[in-house]
């Protein structure tokens, strides 16, 4: 699935695959989200910076993906949360 997205970083490919499968979305939603430089930085920082403990990727009300480092206060959508333990694999 994520192999077709032309992402150079294996960690981000894993993340994309996981999000696409867990949230049951099409790959174009990931592509649209990841094309934003701010979202790209949040994803890469999660893997590279030891102080980045949590990464939350959720479907927003418009049906797109939103990336955050914290759980939202009002949570009504499907989401995937990755925590610091994931870093042990990379």
C-alpha atoms as a PDB file:
ATOM      1  CA  UNK A   1       0.000   0.000   0.000  1.00  0.00           C
ATOM      2  CA  UNK A   2       2.444   2.642   1.168  1.00  0.00           C
ATOM      3  CA  UNK A   3       5.143   1.387  -1.207  1.00  0.00           C
ATOM      4  CA  UNK A   4       3.374   3.225  -4.046  1.00  0.00           C
ATOM      5  CA  UNK A   5       3.586   6.564  -2.206  1.00  0.00           C
ATOM      6  CA  UNK A   6       7.235   7.230  -3.176  1.00  0.00           C
ATOM      7  CA  UNK A   7       8.447   7.839   0.386  1.00  0.00           C
ATOM      8  CA  UNK A   8      12.204   7.455   0.913  1.00  0.00           C
ATOM      9  CA  UNK A   9      12.138   6.888   4.693  1.00  0.00           C
ATOM     10  CA  UNK A  10      11.298   3.286   5.703  1.00  0.00           C
ATOM     11  CA  UNK A  11       9.973   4.500   9.050  1.00  0.00           C
ATOM     12  CA  UNK A  12       7.447   6.761   7.348  1.00  0.00           C
ATOM     13  CA  UNK A  13       6.473   3.949   4.960  1.00  0.00           C
ATOM     14  CA  UNK A  14       5.747   1.769   7.996  1.00  0.00           C
ATOM     15  CA  UNK A  15       3.742   4.595   9.579  1.00  0.00           C
ATOM     16  CA  UNK A  16       1.764   5.213   6.379  1.00  0.00           C
ATOM     17  CA  UNK A  17       0.990   1.505   5.991  1.00  0.00           C
ATOM     18  CA  UNK A  18      -0.129   1.254   9.602  1.00  0.00           C
ATOM     19  CA  UNK A  19      -2.381   4.330   9.422  1.00  0.00           C
ATOM     20  CA  UNK A  20      -3.923   3.323   6.088  1.00  0.00           C
ATOM     21  CA  UNK A  21      -4.756  -0.158   7.358  1.00  0.00           C
ATOM     22  CA  UNK A  22      -5.835   0.808  10.887  1.00  0.00           C
ATOM     23  CA  UNK A  23      -8.120   3.650   9.819  1.00  0.00           C
ATOM     24  CA  UNK A  24      -9.256   1.865   6.644  1.00  0.00           C
ATOM     25  CA  UNK A  25      -8.581   4.839   4.418  1.00  0.00           C
ATOM     26  CA  UNK A  26      -7.311   5.248   0.887  1.00  0.00           C
ATOM     27  CA  UNK A  27      -3.668   6.097   0.303  1.00  0.00           C
ATOM     28  CA  UNK A  28      -4.557   9.470  -1.234  1.00  0.00           C
ATOM     29  CA  UNK A  29      -5.645  10.751   2.205  1.00  0.00           C
ATOM     30  CA  UNK A  30      -2.174   9.947   3.551  1.00  0.00           C
ATOM     31  CA  UNK A  31      -0.536  11.580   0.514  1.00  0.00           C
ATOM     32  CA  UNK A  32      -2.573  14.752   0.973  1.00  0.00           C
ATOM     33  CA  UNK A  33      -1.723  14.914   4.693  1.00  0.00           C
ATOM     34  CA  UNK A  34       1.976  14.120   4.198  1.00  0.00           C
ATOM     35  CA  UNK A  35       2.381  16.701   1.432  1.00  0.00           C
ATOM     36  CA  UNK A  36       2.077  19.440   4.077  1.00  0.00           C
ATOM     37  CA  UNK A  37       5.555  20.389   5.273  1.00  0.00           C
ATOM     38  CA  UNK A  38       4.321  20.874   8.851  1.00  0.00           C
ATOM     39  CA  UNK A  39       2.842  17.347   8.985  1.00  0.00           C
ATOM     40  CA  UNK A  40       5.963  15.886   7.410  1.00  0.00           C
ATOM     41  CA  UNK A  41       8.126  17.529  10.079  1.00  0.00           C
ATOM     42  CA  UNK A  42       5.891  16.190  12.888  1.00  0.00           C
ATOM     43  CA  UNK A  43       6.185  12.634  11.520  1.00  0.00           C
ATOM     44  CA  UNK A  44       9.964  12.788  11.028  1.00  0.00           C
ATOM     45  CA  UNK A  45      10.518  14.478  14.414  1.00  0.00           C
ATOM     46  CA  UNK A  46       8.624  11.662  16.121  1.00  0.00           C
ATOM     47  CA  UNK A  47      11.279   9.233  14.930  1.00  0.00           C
ATOM     48  CA  UNK A  48      14.322  11.495  15.231  1.00  0.00           C
ATOM     49  CA  UNK A  49      13.811  13.458  18.452  1.00  0.00           C
ATOM     50  CA  UNK A  50      13.870  11.648  21.796  1.00  0.00           C
ATOM     51  CA  UNK A  51      11.561  14.201  23.419  1.00  0.00           C
ATOM     52  CA  UNK A  52       8.753  13.478  20.922  1.00  0.00           C
ATOM     53  CA  UNK A  53       6.810  10.933  22.993  1.00  0.00           C
ATOM     54  CA  UNK A  54       3.484  10.701  21.144  1.00  0.00           C
ATOM     55  CA  UNK A  55       2.173  11.031  17.611  1.00  0.00           C
ATOM     56  CA  UNK A  56      -1.589  11.059  16.999  1.00  0.00           C
ATOM     57  CA  UNK A  57      -3.010  10.792  13.490  1.00  0.00           C
ATOM     58  CA  UNK A  58      -6.779  11.203  13.364  1.00  0.00           C
ATOM     59  CA  UNK A  59      -9.538  11.600  10.823  1.00  0.00           C
ATOM     60  CA  UNK A  60     -10.933  15.098  11.093  1.00  0.00           C
ATOM     61  CA  UNK A  61     -14.546  16.158  10.525  1.00  0.00           C
ATOM     62  CA  UNK A  62     -13.844  16.867   6.853  1.00  0.00           C
ATOM     63  CA  UNK A  63     -12.548  13.327   6.311  1.00  0.00           C
ATOM     64  CA  UNK A  64      -8.885  14.265   6.041  1.00  0.00           C
ATOM     65  CA  UNK A  65      -6.019  13.277   8.314  1.00  0.00           C
ATOM     66  CA  UNK A  66      -4.779  15.536  11.084  1.00  0.00           C
ATOM     67  CA  UNK A  67      -1.430  15.071  12.837  1.00  0.00           C
ATOM     68  CA  UNK A  68      -0.738  16.110  16.408  1.00  0.00           C
ATOM     69  CA  UNK A  69       1.620  15.366  19.264  1.00  0.00           C
ATOM     70  CA  UNK A  70      -1.232  15.388  21.817  1.00  0.00           C
ATOM     71  CA  UNK A  71      -4.671  13.842  22.151  1.00  0.00           C
ATOM     72  CA  UNK A  72      -7.414  16.353  21.342  1.00  0.00           C
ATOM     73  CA  UNK A  73      -9.637  17.504  24.219  1.00  0.00           C
ATOM     74  CA  UNK A  74     -12.830  16.700  22.311  1.00  0.00           C
ATOM     75  CA  UNK A  75     -12.317  13.405  20.545  1.00  0.00           C
ATOM     76  CA  UNK A  76     -15.013  12.023  18.254  1.00  0.00           C
ATOM     77  CA  UNK A  77     -13.107  10.550  15.305  1.00  0.00           C
ATOM     78  CA  UNK A  78     -11.075   7.454  14.580  1.00  0.00           C
ATOM     79  CA  UNK A  79      -7.402   7.887  15.372  1.00  0.00           C
ATOM     80  CA  UNK A  80      -4.082   6.086  15.589  1.00  0.00           C
ATOM     81  CA  UNK A  81      -1.665   6.864  18.393  1.00  0.00           C
ATOM     82  CA  UNK A  82       1.986   5.914  18.396  1.00  0.00           C
ATOM     83  CA  UNK A  83       4.072   6.225  21.502  1.00  0.00           C
ATOM     84  CA  UNK A  84       7.771   6.371  22.213  1.00  0.00           C
ATOM     85  CA  UNK A  85       8.068   2.557  22.377  1.00  0.00           C
ATOM     86  CA  UNK A  86       7.758   2.380  18.605  1.00  0.00           C
ATOM     87  CA  UNK A  87      11.250   3.859  18.365  1.00  0.00           C
ATOM     88  CA  UNK A  88      12.745   0.624  19.671  1.00  0.00           C
ATOM     89  CA  UNK A  89      12.117  -0.970  16.267  1.00  0.00           C
ATOM     90  CA  UNK A  90      14.086   1.559  14.249  1.00  0.00           C
END
